[in-house]
Protein backbone atom coordinates (compact mmCIF):
# COMPACT_ATOMS: atom_id res chain seq x y z
CA MET A 1 25.72 17.31 -10.18
CA ILE A 2 22.85 14.96 -9.29
CA TYR A 3 25.04 12.96 -6.88
CA PHE A 4 26.02 16.15 -5.06
CA ILE A 5 22.32 17.12 -4.80
CA LEU A 6 21.38 13.68 -3.42
CA ILE A 7 24.12 13.83 -0.76
CA MET A 8 23.02 17.35 0.16
CA CYS A 9 19.36 16.29 0.47
CA PHE A 10 20.30 13.28 2.60
CA PHE A 11 22.40 15.24 5.09
CA GLY A 12 20.08 18.24 4.86
CA SER A 13 17.25 16.07 6.14
CA ILE A 14 19.46 14.81 8.99
CA VAL A 15 20.33 18.39 10.00
CA LEU A 16 16.78 19.72 9.63
CA THR A 17 14.91 16.97 11.51
CA PRO A 18 16.09 17.95 15.05
CA LEU A 19 15.18 21.58 14.26
CA VAL A 20 11.70 20.53 13.09
CA LYS A 21 11.37 18.44 16.26
CA LYS A 22 11.89 21.56 18.41
CA LEU A 23 9.46 23.50 16.23
CA ALA A 24 6.83 20.77 16.58
CA PHE A 25 6.88 21.01 20.38
CA LYS A 26 6.78 24.80 20.18
CA VAL A 27 3.69 25.00 17.92
CA GLY A 28 1.88 22.07 19.55
CA ALA A 29 2.28 19.56 16.72
CA THR A 30 2.35 16.57 19.04
CA ASP A 31 0.78 13.12 19.05
CA LYS A 32 -0.79 12.04 22.33
CA PRO A 33 -1.25 8.35 23.24
CA ASN A 34 -4.74 6.83 23.04
CA LYS A 35 -6.33 3.40 22.65
CA ARG A 36 -5.66 3.40 18.88
CA LYS A 37 -2.02 4.48 19.13
CA VAL A 38 0.92 2.16 19.74
CA HIS A 39 3.24 4.73 21.37
CA GLN A 40 3.01 5.40 25.11
CA LYS A 41 4.26 8.99 25.40
CA ILE A 42 3.67 12.38 23.78
CA MET A 43 5.62 12.48 20.52
CA PRO A 44 6.45 15.40 18.20
CA ARG A 45 5.06 15.04 14.69
CA MET A 46 5.34 17.23 11.60
CA GLY A 47 8.72 15.61 10.83
CA GLY A 48 7.73 15.45 7.17
CA LEU A 49 8.58 19.15 7.01
CA ALA A 50 12.29 18.21 7.14
CA ILE A 51 11.78 15.77 4.26
CA TYR A 52 9.95 18.43 2.25
CA ILE A 53 12.46 21.23 2.76
CA SER A 54 15.34 18.92 1.77
CA PHE A 55 13.36 17.77 -1.27
CA LEU A 56 12.45 21.33 -2.27
CA ILE A 57 16.07 22.49 -2.22
CA GLY A 58 17.08 19.56 -4.41
CA ALA A 59 14.10 19.99 -6.76
CA LEU A 60 14.86 23.69 -7.28
CA LEU A 61 18.52 22.95 -7.98
CA VAL A 62 17.62 20.33 -10.58
CA ASN A 63 15.25 22.73 -12.38
CA PRO A 64 14.56 20.53 -15.43
CA ASP A 65 12.94 21.84 -18.59
CA LYS A 66 9.55 20.23 -17.93
CA ALA A 67 6.21 22.03 -18.10
CA TYR A 68 4.87 20.07 -15.14
CA HIS A 69 7.84 20.66 -12.79
CA TYR A 70 6.57 23.81 -11.07
CA PRO A 71 2.91 22.70 -10.97
CA ILE A 72 4.15 19.58 -9.12
CA LEU A 73 6.12 21.73 -6.67
CA LEU A 74 3.17 24.07 -6.13
CA GLY A 75 0.88 21.09 -5.58
CA SER A 76 3.36 19.74 -3.01
CA LEU A 77 3.26 23.10 -1.22
CA ILE A 78 -0.54 22.83 -0.89
CA ILE A 79 -0.11 19.30 0.51
CA ILE A 80 2.56 20.41 2.99
CA ILE A 81 0.52 23.37 4.26
CA THR A 82 -2.44 21.02 4.73
CA GLY A 83 -0.28 18.48 6.58
CA VAL A 84 1.30 21.08 8.88
CA LEU A 85 -2.10 22.54 9.79
CA ASP A 86 -3.48 19.06 10.38
CA ASP A 87 -0.56 18.11 12.63
CA ILE A 88 -1.18 21.24 14.71
CA TYR A 89 -4.96 21.61 14.64
CA ASN A 90 -6.33 18.18 13.51
CA LEU A 91 -8.22 19.38 10.43
CA ASN A 92 -11.57 18.01 9.37
CA ALA A 93 -11.32 15.14 6.86
CA LYS A 94 -13.36 17.10 4.30
CA ILE A 95 -10.93 20.02 4.41
CA LYS A 96 -7.98 17.69 3.86
CA PHE A 97 -9.78 16.01 0.96
CA ILE A 98 -10.50 19.38 -0.69
CA ALA A 99 -6.85 20.42 -0.34
CA GLN A 100 -5.60 17.10 -1.75
CA THR A 101 -8.01 17.40 -4.67
CA ALA A 102 -6.87 21.00 -5.30
CA ALA A 103 -3.23 19.85 -5.44
CA ALA A 104 -4.14 17.02 -7.81
CA VAL A 105 -6.19 19.32 -10.07
CA LEU A 106 -3.25 21.75 -10.22
CA VAL A 107 -0.91 18.99 -11.43
CA VAL A 108 -3.43 17.57 -13.89
CA VAL A 109 -4.88 20.79 -15.37
CA TRP A 110 -1.89 23.17 -15.23
CA GLY A 111 0.88 20.58 -15.38
CA GLY A 112 -0.81 18.37 -17.97
CA VAL A 113 -0.05 15.14 -16.08
CA GLN A 114 -2.86 12.90 -17.32
CA VAL A 115 -3.38 9.25 -18.21
CA GLU A 116 -5.13 9.66 -21.56
CA PHE A 117 -4.96 6.09 -22.86
CA ILE A 118 -3.31 2.71 -22.41
CA ASN A 119 -2.11 0.34 -25.12
CA LEU A 120 -3.87 -3.01 -24.89
CA PRO A 121 -1.64 -6.13 -24.83
CA PHE A 122 -3.29 -7.73 -27.87
CA GLY A 123 -3.44 -4.58 -29.99
CA GLY A 124 -5.39 -1.33 -30.02
CA GLN A 125 -5.79 1.38 -27.40
CA LEU A 126 -8.17 2.05 -24.54
CA GLN A 127 -8.94 5.76 -24.67
CA PHE A 128 -10.19 7.30 -21.40
CA GLY A 129 -11.68 10.35 -23.15
CA PHE A 130 -13.40 12.71 -20.71
CA LEU A 131 -12.52 10.32 -17.86
CA ASP A 132 -8.77 10.95 -18.12
CA VAL A 133 -8.84 13.93 -15.72
CA PRO A 134 -11.02 12.35 -12.98
CA ILE A 135 -9.09 9.04 -13.21
CA THR A 136 -5.76 10.86 -12.77
CA ILE A 137 -7.07 12.98 -9.89
CA LEU A 138 -8.54 9.88 -8.23
CA TRP A 139 -5.17 8.12 -8.46
CA ILE A 140 -3.27 11.03 -6.87
CA VAL A 141 -5.77 11.53 -4.04
CA GLY A 142 -6.11 7.78 -3.45
CA ILE A 143 -2.38 7.07 -3.17
CA THR A 144 -1.88 10.19 -1.03
CA ASN A 145 -4.31 8.79 1.52
CA ALA A 146 -3.07 5.20 1.18
CA ILE A 147 0.41 6.17 2.43
CA ASN A 148 -1.22 8.10 5.27
CA LEU A 149 -3.18 5.02 6.37
CA ILE A 150 -0.07 2.88 6.92
CA ASP A 151 1.64 5.55 9.02
CA GLY A 152 0.99 3.73 12.30
CA LEU A 153 4.38 2.48 13.53
CA ASP A 154 7.84 3.98 13.93
CA GLY A 155 9.53 4.17 10.54
CA LEU A 156 6.76 2.28 8.74
CA ALA A 157 5.45 4.83 6.23
CA ALA A 158 8.92 6.32 5.65
CA GLY A 159 10.45 2.88 5.04
CA VAL A 160 7.67 1.59 2.77
CA SER A 161 7.74 4.87 0.83
CA SER A 162 11.52 4.61 0.47
CA ILE A 163 11.22 1.10 -0.97
CA ALA A 164 8.51 2.29 -3.38
CA LEU A 165 10.64 5.29 -4.42
CA PHE A 166 13.68 3.06 -4.90
CA THR A 167 11.64 0.75 -7.15
CA ILE A 168 10.16 3.67 -9.12
CA THR A 169 13.66 5.10 -9.60
CA GLY A 170 14.95 1.71 -10.80
CA MET A 171 12.06 1.30 -13.21
CA ALA A 172 12.61 4.86 -14.51
CA MET A 173 16.25 3.91 -15.21
CA ILE A 174 15.06 0.91 -17.24
CA MET A 175 12.66 3.17 -19.17
CA GLY A 176 15.18 6.04 -19.52
CA ASN A 177 12.98 8.64 -17.79
CA GLY A 178 15.52 11.17 -16.48
CA TYR A 179 13.01 13.45 -14.75
CA VAL A 180 11.46 10.66 -12.67
CA ILE A 181 14.95 9.36 -11.82
CA ALA A 182 16.03 12.78 -10.55
CA LEU A 183 12.94 13.72 -8.54
CA SER A 184 12.27 10.26 -7.08
CA SER A 185 15.88 9.86 -5.96
CA ILE A 186 15.81 13.33 -4.35
CA VAL A 187 12.71 12.39 -2.33
CA LEU A 188 14.31 9.04 -1.50
CA ALA A 189 17.52 10.66 -0.19
CA SER A 190 15.51 13.14 1.91
CA THR A 191 13.34 10.36 3.36
CA LEU A 192 16.31 8.13 4.22
CA GLY A 193 17.89 11.02 6.15
CA PHE A 194 14.67 11.41 8.16
CA LEU A 195 14.58 7.66 8.88
CA PHE A 196 17.61 8.06 11.16
CA PHE A 197 15.25 9.75 13.63
CA ASN A 198 12.05 7.92 12.72
CA PHE A 199 13.00 4.23 12.86
CA TYR A 200 12.09 2.35 16.05
CA PRO A 201 12.34 3.75 18.66
CA ALA A 202 11.32 6.97 16.91
CA LYS A 203 12.36 10.38 18.17
CA ILE A 204 9.85 12.15 15.91
CA PHE A 205 6.88 11.19 13.71
CA MET A 206 6.50 12.39 10.13
CA GLY A 207 2.85 13.20 10.82
CA ASP A 208 0.36 14.01 8.09
CA THR A 209 2.92 16.54 6.83
CA GLY A 210 5.19 13.71 5.75
CA ALA A 211 2.67 10.97 4.97
CA LEU A 212 0.54 13.17 2.69
CA PHE A 213 3.59 14.61 0.94
CA LEU A 214 5.16 11.19 0.30
CA GLY A 215 1.84 9.79 -0.91
CA TYR A 216 1.37 12.76 -3.24
CA ILE A 217 4.87 12.69 -4.75
CA ILE A 218 4.86 8.89 -5.15
CA ALA A 219 1.48 9.08 -6.92
CA VAL A 220 2.73 11.76 -9.31
CA MET A 221 6.09 10.08 -9.99
CA SER A 222 4.42 6.74 -10.74
CA LEU A 223 2.06 8.49 -13.16
CA LEU A 224 4.92 10.23 -14.97
CA GLY A 225 6.83 6.97 -15.20
CA PHE A 226 4.03 4.81 -16.55
CA LYS A 227 1.37 7.01 -18.18
CA ASN A 228 0.16 6.27 -21.71
CA VAL A 229 1.94 2.93 -21.86
CA THR A 230 0.75 -0.67 -22.11
CA LEU A 231 -1.96 -2.17 -19.94
CA ILE A 232 0.68 -4.47 -18.45
CA SER A 233 2.96 -1.52 -17.61
CA PHE A 234 0.02 0.38 -16.12
CA VAL A 235 -0.23 -2.35 -13.48
CA ILE A 236 3.39 -1.83 -12.37
CA PRO A 237 2.81 1.22 -10.10
CA VAL A 238 -0.11 -0.63 -8.51
CA ILE A 239 2.21 -3.54 -7.69
CA ILE A 240 4.97 -1.22 -6.42
CA LEU A 241 2.46 0.31 -4.00
CA GLY A 242 1.07 -3.10 -3.06
CA VAL A 243 1.37 -2.62 0.71
CA PRO A 244 -0.54 0.69 1.09
CA ILE A 245 -3.04 -0.19 -1.66
CA SER A 246 -3.78 -3.63 -0.16
CA ASP A 247 -4.14 -2.21 3.34
CA THR A 248 -6.51 0.51 2.06
CA PHE A 249 -8.53 -1.94 -0.05
CA PHE A 250 -9.06 -4.43 2.78
CA ALA A 251 -9.80 -1.59 5.22
CA ILE A 252 -12.67 -0.57 2.91
CA ILE A 253 -13.90 -4.18 2.70
CA ARG A 254 -13.65 -4.52 6.50
CA ARG A 255 -15.70 -1.37 7.09
CA LEU A 256 -18.33 -2.36 4.55
CA ILE A 257 -18.71 -5.77 6.18
CA ASN A 258 -18.94 -4.18 9.65
CA LYS A 259 -21.28 -1.46 8.31
CA GLN A 260 -18.96 1.34 9.41
CA PRO A 261 -18.30 4.66 7.64
CA LEU A 262 -15.35 4.39 5.22
CA SER A 263 -13.57 7.22 7.07
CA ALA A 264 -14.04 5.59 10.49
CA PRO A 265 -10.70 4.91 12.24
CA ASP A 266 -10.01 1.45 13.61
CA LYS A 267 -7.20 -0.66 15.02
CA SER A 268 -7.30 -3.45 12.44
CA HIS A 269 -4.79 -2.26 9.84
CA LEU A 270 -1.96 -4.48 8.64
CA HIS A 271 0.49 -3.40 11.35
CA HIS A 272 -2.15 -3.80 14.08
CA CYS A 273 -2.95 -7.36 12.95
CA LEU A 274 0.73 -8.38 12.94
CA ILE A 275 1.22 -7.00 16.45
CA ASN A 276 -1.98 -8.72 17.63
CA ILE A 277 -0.71 -12.15 16.55
CA GLY A 278 2.47 -11.73 18.56
CA PHE A 279 5.10 -9.85 16.56
CA THR A 280 7.02 -7.04 18.24
CA HIS A 281 6.98 -3.45 17.03
CA ARG A 282 10.35 -3.79 15.31
CA GLN A 283 9.52 -7.22 13.82
CA THR A 284 6.25 -5.90 12.42
CA VAL A 285 7.99 -3.00 10.67
CA ILE A 286 10.65 -5.31 9.21
CA ILE A 287 7.99 -7.79 8.00
CA ILE A 288 6.13 -4.99 6.20
CA TYR A 289 9.43 -3.73 4.74
CA ALA A 290 9.97 -7.26 3.42
CA MET A 291 6.46 -7.25 1.93
CA ALA A 292 7.11 -3.90 0.23
CA THR A 293 10.39 -5.27 -1.15
CA PHE A 294 8.54 -8.36 -2.41
CA PHE A 295 6.07 -6.16 -4.29
CA GLY A 296 8.95 -4.14 -5.72
CA LEU A 297 10.69 -7.28 -7.00
CA VAL A 298 7.43 -8.57 -8.47
CA ALA A 299 7.01 -5.24 -10.29
CA VAL A 300 10.49 -5.51 -11.83
CA ILE A 301 9.93 -9.15 -12.89
CA PHE A 302 6.47 -8.25 -14.19
CA SER A 303 7.93 -5.45 -16.34
CA GLN A 304 10.11 -7.98 -18.15
CA ALA A 305 7.46 -10.70 -18.51
CA LYS A 306 5.38 -11.54 -21.57
CA VAL A 307 1.62 -11.01 -21.46
CA TRP A 308 0.61 -14.49 -20.30
CA GLY A 309 3.57 -14.68 -17.92
CA GLY A 310 2.52 -11.37 -16.43
CA ILE A 311 -1.08 -12.54 -16.00
CA LEU A 312 0.10 -15.74 -14.28
CA LEU A 313 2.40 -13.72 -12.00
CA ILE A 314 -0.47 -11.41 -11.00
CA ALA A 315 -2.74 -14.39 -10.28
CA ILE A 316 -0.13 -16.01 -8.02
CA MET A 317 0.54 -12.71 -6.25
CA LEU A 318 -3.18 -12.11 -5.61
CA LEU A 319 -3.54 -15.62 -4.20
CA ILE A 320 -0.59 -15.07 -1.84
CA ILE A 321 -2.07 -11.74 -0.71
CA GLU A 322 -5.49 -13.30 -0.06
CA LEU A 323 -4.02 -16.19 1.96
CA PHE A 324 -1.91 -13.77 4.00
CA VAL A 325 -4.92 -11.50 4.63
CA GLU A 326 -7.02 -14.43 5.83
CA LYS A 327 -4.20 -15.78 8.02
CA ILE A 328 -3.66 -12.53 9.96
CA GLY A 329 -7.36 -11.53 10.03
CA LEU A 330 -6.97 -8.24 8.14
CA VAL A 331 -10.64 -8.17 7.09
CA GLY A 332 -11.94 -9.99 10.16
CA LYS A 333 -11.35 -13.09 12.25
CA ASN A 334 -14.16 -14.96 10.49
CA TYR A 335 -13.17 -13.94 6.95
CA LYS A 336 -11.32 -17.04 5.68
CA PRO A 337 -13.02 -18.28 2.47
CA ILE A 338 -9.95 -19.87 0.82
CA LEU A 339 -8.49 -21.27 4.06
CA LYS A 340 -11.92 -22.70 4.91
CA PHE A 341 -12.14 -24.25 1.43
CA ILE A 342 -8.66 -25.81 1.83
CA ASN A 343 -9.55 -27.17 5.28
CA ASP A 344 -12.85 -28.59 4.00
CA LEU A 345 -11.05 -30.16 1.06
CA ARG A 346 -8.42 -31.66 3.37
CA TYR A 347 -11.13 -32.97 5.71
CA THR A 348 -13.02 -34.55 2.80
CA THR A 349 -9.84 -36.18 1.45
CA GLU A 350 -8.92 -37.61 4.85
CA LYS A 351 -12.49 -38.85 5.32
CA ASP A 352 -12.42 -40.62 1.94
CA LYS A 353 -9.16 -42.35 2.89
CA THR A 354 -10.70 -43.75 6.05
């Protein structure tokens, strides 16, 4: 049954996307070129509606006996309505934030999806107490916006989300979580169908409709897959979402350093930096796909590692991320503390030799 649903969602997305494209032009959901955009012509957006409709059909057919199933679907409806309106009318950031929070509250309060505690690696539990609800809401809203931030190149957000969903599905198989397997694979199939029209050169953008929905569903699925587990396991969804989380984190650092508002748009995100140092549009997307795959593989290895092995793996991964960030200038051209230290050390060594 599930295989039939996945095939239907995949081809359903392929059939629906051209129809949504026509609808986007009709209602004015278009993206016009400007100095921050990479594309050079008016493009239809709102393509995420095709992903959502395909997903919704599959999710209703699955209909599992879970208390949080319909709250999740209702929350996704709030997100989709917000995304569609934003793609047409360019909503105020505060309105979008309120809608995202409302969707998250619905899932947490009505659906009961909460991270109440984590088991510590050396024994005992860390209880969140009254912070469990705000922490869970913060995670959902944060990841929802993180996916939206990387939606800057053809096929980028859809591809990175697909890799994250594939990893979450694989991890759910290891943990035996049937619900996460079903829903994540349904979203994955729907997104892959849309990618036929969204990969470079794109015929349609997913818009906020797609980026917000994918961010929301990935946030919820990762919570369901890893809530109330060990501290080590709690890190796994963070690793899986390494690309959007890293880009968001360093965007915040960059804006704090430059004394800009956190919501201020700029042209210094990961994909912008890679293009600025000479990579083509297609090469940049493939490089970021490779990075997302790297994070996914690290998450799988990390899940099988012992405590100290996991800590060592995280340390190495963070060092690689920092070196990469400094090399491409993600925070700023002058932000190179480790590279500067290495160069100074090399200079001192060479000086001592002479």
